[in-house]
Amino acid sequence: MQISPGVAVELTAPAGYRSLVPLDRTRHRGQGISDPGNYRFASSLHLIYVSAEEFFVAARDYPIAFARDEVSDSFVPVSVTGMRAGQNLFVNEAGSWREDNYIPAYVRCHPFFGVEVRDEVGDGAQRVICVDEEALDSHAKEALLGASGEPTSAWQPIEKLLEEVAVARARTVALSQRLKELELFEAFEAQTHPKAGEPLRLGGLYRVSEERLNRLSGKTIRELMSQGHLSRIYAHLMSLDNFGRLLDLSVSS
């Protein structure tokens, strides 16, 4: 991915971001993250994208479900962090993530985001690093771009994370596409029942149907296994038990 020397492009800000512009060597030189480690931007995100590479660790703490993109008719894996829209039970008022719980890469990348930008004739594309510049500050403790716009040592771990996310995203698309091709997705409504008060319901989610999975041929199962998909399917299914944990957090919060 590239830091832009000056690219004009209209971008739609992803969930939780206020705005998104290409990270520019001139415009953003000498600036750093104003409040690193603060995740308040994600406090209203009850669904957070997770890559297939994150399934095993994320499944320990969150239900992993799939959300459907109606425009592209594709499915995206998400960690469920709250039983109500606009509620993230893992971020407190100070913006700290709940201790000892996995923080999705999507959250750790903020305020940066990799975007694929196609050239004017549509013959090629490049991934450009973009930023929610409201999170940058010229008085930050560590500048990410030096006085001449060169990347600093503080930028290196961020760039590495963004590259890992880009690679993982391609693998995640392949997983979701294969599950769709095999018609394994089924809609479901998550429900939790507190001892007092009304039941909590969260709809608009999809999961892998165990019944349909069990009907697949041995050849297809072996294919899923060889591609690393089968283990992630089971991690997803096992993670759904964490809806009970969300109930406990909802009651205690």
C-alpha atoms as a PDB file:
ATOM      1  CA  MET A   1       0.000   0.000   0.000  1.00  0.00           C
ATOM      2  CA  GLN A   2       1.127   3.515  -0.718  1.00  0.00           C
ATOM      3  CA  ILE A   3       1.256   6.818   1.114  1.00  0.00           C
ATOM      4  CA  SER A   4      -0.062   9.309  -1.375  1.00  0.00           C
ATOM      5  CA  PRO A   5       2.001  12.163  -2.793  1.00  0.00           C
ATOM      6  CA  GLY A   6      -1.329  13.861  -3.442  1.00  0.00           C
ATOM      7  CA  VAL A   7      -4.397  11.958  -4.672  1.00  0.00           C
ATOM      8  CA  ALA A   8      -7.835  13.523  -5.112  1.00  0.00           C
ATOM      9  CA  VAL A   9     -10.541  10.914  -4.659  1.00  0.00           C
ATOM     10  CA  GLU A  10     -13.984  10.751  -3.065  1.00  0.00           C
ATOM     11  CA  LEU A  11     -14.185   8.145  -0.326  1.00  0.00           C
ATOM     12  CA  THR A  12     -16.998   6.796   1.811  1.00  0.00           C
ATOM     13  CA  ALA A  13     -16.024   6.594   5.457  1.00  0.00           C
ATOM     14  CA  PRO A  14     -16.317   3.061   6.911  1.00  0.00           C
ATOM     15  CA  ALA A  15     -18.286   2.385  10.096  1.00  0.00           C
ATOM     16  CA  GLY A  16     -17.005   4.426  13.032  1.00  0.00           C
ATOM     17  CA  TYR A  17     -14.870   6.775  10.920  1.00  0.00           C
ATOM     18  CA  ARG A  18     -15.902  10.420  10.647  1.00  0.00           C
ATOM     19  CA  SER A  19     -14.204  11.007   7.312  1.00  0.00           C
ATOM     20  CA  LEU A  20     -11.579   9.431   5.087  1.00  0.00           C
ATOM     21  CA  VAL A  21      -8.885  11.057   2.956  1.00  0.00           C
ATOM     22  CA  PRO A  22      -5.680   9.670   1.406  1.00  0.00           C
ATOM     23  CA  LEU A  23      -2.731   9.915   3.784  1.00  0.00           C
ATOM     24  CA  ASP A  24      -0.580  12.591   2.199  1.00  0.00           C
ATOM     25  CA  ARG A  25       3.161  13.086   2.692  1.00  0.00           C
ATOM     26  CA  THR A  26       2.804  16.878   2.585  1.00  0.00           C
ATOM     27  CA  ARG A  27      -0.583  17.472   4.169  1.00  0.00           C
ATOM     28  CA  HIS A  28       0.003  15.099   7.106  1.00  0.00           C
ATOM     29  CA  ARG A  29       3.744  15.451   7.716  1.00  0.00           C
ATOM     30  CA  GLY A  30       4.757  15.949  11.320  1.00  0.00           C
ATOM     31  CA  GLN A  31       1.449  14.583  12.606  1.00  0.00           C
ATOM     32  CA  GLY A  32       0.654  11.601  14.794  1.00  0.00           C
ATOM     33  CA  ILE A  33      -2.372   9.980  16.416  1.00  0.00           C
ATOM     34  CA  SER A  34      -3.854  12.421  18.899  1.00  0.00           C
ATOM     35  CA  ASP A  35      -5.040   9.819  21.414  1.00  0.00           C
ATOM     36  CA  PRO A  36      -3.509   6.386  20.687  1.00  0.00           C
ATOM     37  CA  GLY A  37      -5.198   3.444  22.372  1.00  0.00           C
ATOM     38  CA  ASN A  38      -8.528   5.227  22.655  1.00  0.00           C
ATOM     39  CA  TYR A  39     -11.312   3.216  21.020  1.00  0.00           C
ATOM     40  CA  ARG A  40     -14.219   5.534  21.681  1.00  0.00           C
ATOM     41  CA  PHE A  41     -14.871   5.703  17.932  1.00  0.00           C
ATOM     42  CA  ALA A  42     -16.035   2.057  18.112  1.00  0.00           C
ATOM     43  CA  SER A  43     -18.323   2.507  21.124  1.00  0.00           C
ATOM     44  CA  SER A  44     -21.420   2.567  18.890  1.00  0.00           C
ATOM     45  CA  LEU A  45     -20.425  -0.406  16.712  1.00  0.00           C
ATOM     46  CA  HIS A  46     -22.345  -3.538  17.682  1.00  0.00           C
ATOM     47  CA  LEU A  47     -21.014  -5.362  14.606  1.00  0.00           C
ATOM     48  CA  ILE A  48     -17.303  -5.180  13.769  1.00  0.00           C
ATOM     49  CA  TYR A  49     -15.635  -6.747  10.741  1.00  0.00           C
ATOM     50  CA  VAL A  50     -13.281  -9.645  11.455  1.00  0.00           C
ATOM     51  CA  SER A  51     -11.151 -11.449   8.903  1.00  0.00           C
ATOM     52  CA  ALA A  52     -11.023 -15.206   8.475  1.00  0.00           C
ATOM     53  CA  GLU A  53      -7.520 -15.067   9.976  1.00  0.00           C
ATOM     54  CA  GLU A  54      -9.014 -13.726  13.223  1.00  0.00           C
ATOM     55  CA  PHE A  55     -11.738 -16.335  13.682  1.00  0.00           C
ATOM     56  CA  PHE A  56      -9.855 -18.560  16.117  1.00  0.00           C
ATOM     57  CA  VAL A  57      -8.861 -15.828  18.562  1.00  0.00           C
ATOM     58  CA  ALA A  58     -12.006 -13.694  18.161  1.00  0.00           C
ATOM     59  CA  ALA A  59     -14.228 -16.744  18.768  1.00  0.00           C
ATOM     60  CA  ARG A  60     -12.995 -16.887  22.361  1.00  0.00           C
ATOM     61  CA  ASP A  61     -14.668 -13.577  23.215  1.00  0.00           C
ATOM     62  CA  TYR A  62     -17.414 -12.804  20.664  1.00  0.00           C
ATOM     63  CA  PRO A  63     -20.110 -14.450  18.613  1.00  0.00           C
ATOM     64  CA  ILE A  64     -18.943 -14.438  15.000  1.00  0.00           C
ATOM     65  CA  ALA A  65     -21.814 -14.078  12.538  1.00  0.00           C
ATOM     66  CA  PHE A  66     -22.193 -12.884   8.947  1.00  0.00           C
ATOM     67  CA  ALA A  67     -23.855  -9.705   7.712  1.00  0.00           C
ATOM     68  CA  ARG A  68     -25.246  -9.417   4.207  1.00  0.00           C
ATOM     69  CA  ASP A  69     -24.329  -6.572   1.890  1.00  0.00           C
ATOM     70  CA  GLU A  70     -27.554  -6.061  -0.046  1.00  0.00           C
ATOM     71  CA  VAL A  71     -25.867  -4.023  -2.782  1.00  0.00           C
ATOM     72  CA  SER A  72     -23.244  -6.614  -3.734  1.00  0.00           C
ATOM     73  CA  ASP A  73     -25.209  -9.619  -2.413  1.00  0.00           C
ATOM     74  CA  SER A  74     -22.124 -10.724  -0.508  1.00  0.00           C
ATOM     75  CA  PHE A  75     -21.569 -11.821   3.084  1.00  0.00           C
ATOM     76  CA  VAL A  76     -19.139 -10.304   5.555  1.00  0.00           C
ATOM     77  CA  PRO A  77     -18.025 -11.894   8.853  1.00  0.00           C
ATOM     78  CA  VAL A  78     -18.521  -9.724  11.927  1.00  0.00           C
ATOM     79  CA  SER A  79     -17.875  -9.983  15.636  1.00  0.00           C
ATOM     80  CA  VAL A  80     -21.021  -9.129  17.593  1.00  0.00           C
ATOM     81  CA  THR A  81     -20.168  -6.766  20.452  1.00  0.00           C
ATOM     82  CA  GLY A  82     -23.657  -5.796  21.609  1.00  0.00           C
ATOM     83  CA  MET A  83     -27.268  -6.957  21.542  1.00  0.00           C
ATOM     84  CA  ARG A  84     -28.579  -3.528  20.588  1.00  0.00           C
ATOM     85  CA  ALA A  85     -27.743  -1.378  17.568  1.00  0.00           C
ATOM     86  CA  GLY A  86     -25.336   1.367  18.598  1.00  0.00           C
ATOM     87  CA  GLN A  87     -24.091  -0.556  21.653  1.00  0.00           C
ATOM     88  CA  ASN A  88     -20.577  -1.941  22.051  1.00  0.00           C
ATOM     89  CA  LEU A  89     -20.292  -3.668  25.418  1.00  0.00           C
ATOM     90  CA  PHE A  90     -16.503  -3.900  25.150  1.00  0.00           C
ATOM     91  CA  VAL A  91     -15.700  -0.155  25.151  1.00  0.00           C
ATOM     92  CA  ASN A  92     -16.135   1.901  28.312  1.00  0.00           C
ATOM     93  CA  GLU A  93     -16.853   5.620  28.612  1.00  0.00           C
ATOM     94  CA  ALA A  94     -13.146   6.434  28.682  1.00  0.00           C
ATOM     95  CA  GLY A  95     -12.640   4.652  25.354  1.00  0.00           C
ATOM     96  CA  SER A  96     -10.749   1.679  26.788  1.00  0.00           C
ATOM     97  CA  TRP A  97     -11.400  -1.807  25.438  1.00  0.00           C
ATOM     98  CA  ARG A  98     -12.502  -4.408  27.964  1.00  0.00           C
ATOM     99  CA  GLU A  99      -9.347  -5.846  29.487  1.00  0.00           C
ATOM    100  CA  ASP A 100      -8.099  -9.264  28.357  1.00  0.00           C
ATOM    101  CA  ASN A 101     -10.449  -9.369  25.368  1.00  0.00           C
ATOM    102  CA  TYR A 102      -9.273  -9.563  21.775  1.00  0.00           C
ATOM    103  CA  ILE A 103      -9.355  -6.260  19.890  1.00  0.00           C
ATOM    104  CA  PRO A 104     -10.293  -6.817  16.208  1.00  0.00           C
ATOM    105  CA  ALA A 105      -7.748  -5.622  13.641  1.00  0.00           C
ATOM    106  CA  TYR A 106     -10.410  -3.307  12.175  1.00  0.00           C
ATOM    107  CA  VAL A 107     -10.379  -1.412  15.472  1.00  0.00           C
ATOM    108  CA  ARG A 108      -6.605  -1.448  15.871  1.00  0.00           C
ATOM    109  CA  CYS A 109      -6.146   0.023  12.387  1.00  0.00           C
ATOM    110  CA  HIS A 110      -8.084   3.186  13.208  1.00  0.00           C
ATOM    111  CA  PRO A 111      -7.652   5.949  12.133  1.00  0.00           C
ATOM    112  CA  PHE A 112      -6.111   4.323   9.026  1.00  0.00           C
ATOM    113  CA  PHE A 113      -7.818   2.296   6.320  1.00  0.00           C
ATOM    114  CA  GLY A 114      -6.567   0.702   3.098  1.00  0.00           C
ATOM    115  CA  VAL A 115      -8.621   1.551   0.016  1.00  0.00           C
ATOM    116  CA  GLU A 116      -8.347   0.158  -3.498  1.00  0.00           C
ATOM    117  CA  VAL A 117      -8.282   3.032  -5.983  1.00  0.00           C
ATOM    118  CA  ARG A 118      -8.603   2.382  -9.718  1.00  0.00           C
ATOM    119  CA  ASP A 119      -6.936   4.598 -12.286  1.00  0.00           C
ATOM    120  CA  GLU A 120      -8.938   6.806 -14.612  1.00  0.00           C
ATOM    121  CA  VAL A 121      -9.005   4.333 -17.506  1.00  0.00           C
ATOM    122  CA  GLY A 122      -9.868   1.411 -15.239  1.00  0.00           C
ATOM    123  CA  ASP A 123      -6.914  -0.724 -16.326  1.00  0.00           C
ATOM    124  CA  GLY A 124      -5.402  -1.150 -12.896  1.00  0.00           C
ATOM    125  CA  ALA A 125      -5.719  -0.414  -9.203  1.00  0.00           C
ATOM    126  CA  GLN A 126      -3.527   0.389  -6.255  1.00  0.00           C
ATOM    127  CA  ARG A 127      -4.161   0.217  -2.541  1.00  0.00           C
ATOM    128  CA  VAL A 128      -3.848   3.635  -0.975  1.00  0.00           C
ATOM    129  CA  ILE A 129      -3.557   4.263   2.753  1.00  0.00           C
ATOM    130  CA  CYS A 130      -6.279   6.611   3.939  1.00  0.00           C
ATOM    131  CA  VAL A 131      -6.883   8.264   7.282  1.00  0.00           C
ATOM    132  CA  ASP A 132      -9.602   9.829   9.392  1.00  0.00           C
ATOM    133  CA  GLU A 133      -7.596  13.023   9.766  1.00  0.00           C
ATOM    134  CA  GLU A 134      -9.689  14.275  12.681  1.00  0.00           C
ATOM    135  CA  ALA A 135      -7.747  11.738  14.759  1.00  0.00           C
ATOM    136  CA  LEU A 136      -4.380  13.281  13.806  1.00  0.00           C
ATOM    137  CA  ASP A 137      -2.556  15.978  15.728  1.00  0.00           C
ATOM    138  CA  SER A 138       0.626  17.912  14.985  1.00  0.00           C
ATOM    139  CA  HIS A 139       1.335  17.922  18.742  1.00  0.00           C
ATOM    140  CA  ALA A 140       1.111  14.144  19.125  1.00  0.00           C
ATOM    141  CA  LYS A 141       3.871  12.415  21.084  1.00  0.00           C
ATOM    142  CA  GLU A 142       5.111  10.472  18.051  1.00  0.00           C
ATOM    143  CA  ALA A 143       4.950  11.765  14.479  1.00  0.00           C
ATOM    144  CA  LEU A 144       4.155   9.120  11.876  1.00  0.00           C
ATOM    145  CA  LEU A 145       5.509  11.144   8.964  1.00  0.00           C
ATOM    146  CA  GLY A 146       8.610  13.253   9.425  1.00  0.00           C
ATOM    147  CA  ALA A 147       9.154  16.878   8.453  1.00  0.00           C
ATOM    148  CA  SER A 148       9.836  15.848   4.854  1.00  0.00           C
ATOM    149  CA  GLY A 149       6.946  13.398   4.731  1.00  0.00           C
ATOM    150  CA  GLU A 150       9.117  10.326   5.224  1.00  0.00           C
ATOM    151  CA  PRO A 151       7.701   7.452   7.328  1.00  0.00           C
ATOM    152  CA  THR A 152       9.095   7.308  10.865  1.00  0.00           C
ATOM    153  CA  SER A 153       9.785   4.258  13.049  1.00  0.00           C
ATOM    154  CA  ALA A 154       6.391   4.854  14.698  1.00  0.00           C
ATOM    155  CA  TRP A 155       4.715   4.288  11.318  1.00  0.00           C
ATOM    156  CA  GLN A 156       6.274   0.866  10.658  1.00  0.00           C
ATOM    157  CA  PRO A 157       4.003  -1.283  12.929  1.00  0.00           C
ATOM    158  CA  ILE A 158       0.924   0.485  11.544  1.00  0.00           C
ATOM    159  CA  GLU A 159       2.005  -0.166   7.957  1.00  0.00           C
ATOM    160  CA  LYS A 160       2.670  -3.835   8.814  1.00  0.00           C
ATOM    161  CA  LEU A 161      -0.816  -4.205  10.332  1.00  0.00           C
ATOM    162  CA  LEU A 162      -2.458  -2.594   7.294  1.00  0.00           C
ATOM    163  CA  GLU A 163      -0.606  -4.955   4.957  1.00  0.00           C
ATOM    164  CA  GLU A 164      -1.680  -7.973   7.025  1.00  0.00           C
ATOM    165  CA  VAL A 165      -5.291  -6.788   6.963  1.00  0.00           C
ATOM    166  CA  ALA A 166      -5.182  -6.390   3.166  1.00  0.00           C
ATOM    167  CA  VAL A 167      -3.889  -9.948   2.692  1.00  0.00           C
ATOM    168  CA  ALA A 168      -6.425 -11.343   5.161  1.00  0.00           C
ATOM    169  CA  ARG A 169      -9.294  -9.516   3.458  1.00  0.00           C
ATOM    170  CA  ALA A 170      -8.717 -11.421   0.196  1.00  0.00           C
ATOM    171  CA  ARG A 171      -8.791 -14.739   2.056  1.00  0.00           C
ATOM    172  CA  THR A 172     -11.941 -13.686   3.882  1.00  0.00           C
ATOM    173  CA  VAL A 173     -13.719 -12.853   0.627  1.00  0.00           C
ATOM    174  CA  ALA A 174     -12.777 -16.306  -0.673  1.00  0.00           C
ATOM    175  CA  LEU A 175     -14.254 -17.973   2.424  1.00  0.00           C
ATOM    176  CA  SER A 176     -17.521 -16.025   2.304  1.00  0.00           C
ATOM    177  CA  GLN A 177     -17.884 -16.552  -1.439  1.00  0.00           C
ATOM    178  CA  ARG A 178     -17.397 -20.306  -1.109  1.00  0.00           C
ATOM    179  CA  LEU A 179     -19.970 -20.565   1.680  1.00  0.00           C
ATOM    180  CA  LYS A 180     -22.415 -18.638  -0.481  1.00  0.00           C
ATOM    181  CA  GLU A 181     -21.758 -20.886  -3.493  1.00  0.00           C
ATOM    182  CA  LEU A 182     -22.485 -23.946  -1.354  1.00  0.00           C
ATOM    183  CA  GLU A 183     -25.704 -22.281  -0.086  1.00  0.00           C
ATOM    184  CA  LEU A 184     -24.663 -22.784   3.520  1.00  0.00           C
ATOM    185  CA  PHE A 185     -25.866 -19.453   4.878  1.00  0.00           C
ATOM    186  CA  GLU A 186     -29.129 -19.211   6.812  1.00  0.00           C
ATOM    187  CA  ALA A 187     -30.681 -16.148   8.420  1.00  0.00           C
ATOM    188  CA  PHE A 188     -31.160 -16.216  12.172  1.00  0.00           C
ATOM    189  CA  GLU A 189     -32.214 -13.977  15.025  1.00  0.00           C
ATOM    190  CA  ALA A 190     -30.060 -13.950  18.129  1.00  0.00           C
ATOM    191  CA  GLN A 191     -32.102 -13.947  21.324  1.00  0.00           C
ATOM    192  CA  THR A 192     -31.093 -13.631  24.950  1.00  0.00           C
ATOM    193  CA  HIS A 193     -33.476 -13.786  27.895  1.00  0.00           C
ATOM    194  CA  PRO A 194     -32.543 -11.814  31.023  1.00  0.00           C
ATOM    195  CA  LYS A 195     -34.152 -12.852  34.289  1.00  0.00           C
ATOM    196  CA  ALA A 196     -35.880  -9.470  34.443  1.00  0.00           C
ATOM    197  CA  GLY A 197     -37.054  -7.301  31.582  1.00  0.00           C
ATOM    198  CA  GLU A 198     -37.801  -7.960  27.953  1.00  0.00           C
ATOM    199  CA  PRO A 199     -35.834 -10.473  25.849  1.00  0.00           C
ATOM    200  CA  LEU A 200     -33.067  -8.994  23.727  1.00  0.00           C
ATOM    201  CA  ARG A 201     -33.255  -9.763  20.014  1.00  0.00           C
ATOM    202  CA  LEU A 202     -30.783  -9.010  17.261  1.00  0.00           C
ATOM    203  CA  GLY A 203     -31.789  -9.749  13.679  1.00  0.00           C
ATOM    204  CA  GLY A 204     -30.296  -9.334  10.228  1.00  0.00           C
ATOM    205  CA  LEU A 205     -27.565 -11.921  10.857  1.00  0.00           C
ATOM    206  CA  TYR A 206     -26.541 -15.084   9.043  1.00  0.00           C
ATOM    207  CA  ARG A 207     -24.804 -18.272  10.145  1.00  0.00           C
ATOM    208  CA  VAL A 208     -23.677 -21.507   8.557  1.00  0.00           C
ATOM    209  CA  SER A 209     -26.431 -24.117   8.618  1.00  0.00           C
ATOM    210  CA  GLU A 210     -25.129 -27.229  10.368  1.00  0.00           C
ATOM    211  CA  GLU A 211     -27.802 -29.291   8.643  1.00  0.00           C
ATOM    212  CA  ARG A 212     -26.673 -28.191   5.180  1.00  0.00           C
ATOM    213  CA  LEU A 213     -23.019 -28.554   6.171  1.00  0.00           C
ATOM    214  CA  ASN A 214     -23.605 -32.158   7.227  1.00  0.00           C
ATOM    215  CA  ARG A 215     -25.201 -32.936   3.860  1.00  0.00           C
ATOM    216  CA  LEU A 216     -22.107 -31.934   1.861  1.00  0.00           C
ATOM    217  CA  SER A 217     -20.252 -34.674   0.028  1.00  0.00           C
ATOM    218  CA  GLY A 218     -17.003 -36.051   1.362  1.00  0.00           C
ATOM    219  CA  LYS A 219     -15.199 -34.512  -1.603  1.00  0.00           C
ATOM    220  CA  THR A 220     -16.512 -31.036  -0.782  1.00  0.00           C
ATOM    221  CA  ILE A 221     -15.669 -31.432   2.905  1.00  0.00           C
ATOM    222  CA  ARG A 222     -12.105 -32.387   2.006  1.00  0.00           C
ATOM    223  CA  GLU A 223     -11.908 -29.371  -0.289  1.00  0.00           C
ATOM    224  CA  LEU A 224     -13.056 -27.061   2.507  1.00  0.00           C
ATOM    225  CA  MET A 225     -10.541 -28.670   4.829  1.00  0.00           C
ATOM    226  CA  SER A 226      -7.632 -28.283   2.398  1.00  0.00           C
ATOM    227  CA  GLN A 227      -8.454 -24.603   1.881  1.00  0.00           C
ATOM    228  CA  GLY A 228      -8.559 -23.927   5.628  1.00  0.00           C
ATOM    229  CA  HIS A 229     -12.274 -23.106   5.478  1.00  0.00           C
ATOM    230  CA  LEU A 230     -13.646 -26.017   7.513  1.00  0.00           C
ATOM    231  CA  SER A 231     -11.837 -25.173  10.741  1.00  0.00           C
ATOM    232  CA  ARG A 232     -13.053 -21.584  10.481  1.00  0.00           C
ATOM    233  CA  ILE A 233     -16.631 -22.762   9.922  1.00  0.00           C
ATOM    234  CA  TYR A 234     -16.479 -24.687  13.187  1.00  0.00           C
ATOM    235  CA  ALA A 235     -14.853 -21.758  14.997  1.00  0.00           C
ATOM    236  CA  HIS A 236     -17.773 -19.608  13.797  1.00  0.00           C
ATOM    237  CA  LEU A 237     -20.370 -22.150  14.947  1.00  0.00           C
ATOM    238  CA  MET A 238     -18.767 -22.633  18.358  1.00  0.00           C
ATOM    239  CA  SER A 239     -18.509 -18.866  18.856  1.00  0.00           C
ATOM    240  CA  LEU A 240     -22.290 -18.493  18.738  1.00  0.00           C
ATOM    241  CA  ASP A 241     -22.407 -19.691  22.351  1.00  0.00           C
ATOM    242  CA  ASN A 242     -20.915 -16.297  23.252  1.00  0.00           C
ATOM    243  CA  PHE A 243     -24.344 -14.697  22.845  1.00  0.00           C
ATOM    244  CA  GLY A 244     -24.866 -15.854  26.428  1.00  0.00           C
ATOM    245  CA  ARG A 245     -21.832 -13.815  27.414  1.00  0.00           C
ATOM    246  CA  LEU A 246     -23.304 -10.733  25.756  1.00  0.00           C
ATOM    247  CA  LEU A 247     -26.382 -11.211  27.909  1.00  0.00           C
ATOM    248  CA  ASP A 248     -24.241 -11.247  31.047  1.00  0.00           C
ATOM    249  CA  LEU A 249     -22.446  -8.089  29.955  1.00  0.00           C
ATOM    250  CA  SER A 250     -25.752  -6.399  29.067  1.00  0.00           C
ATOM    251  CA  VAL A 251     -27.126  -7.102  32.542  1.00  0.00           C
ATOM    252  CA  SER A 252     -23.966  -5.942  34.333  1.00  0.00           C
ATOM    253  CA  SER A 253     -23.429  -2.786  32.257  1.00  0.00           C
END
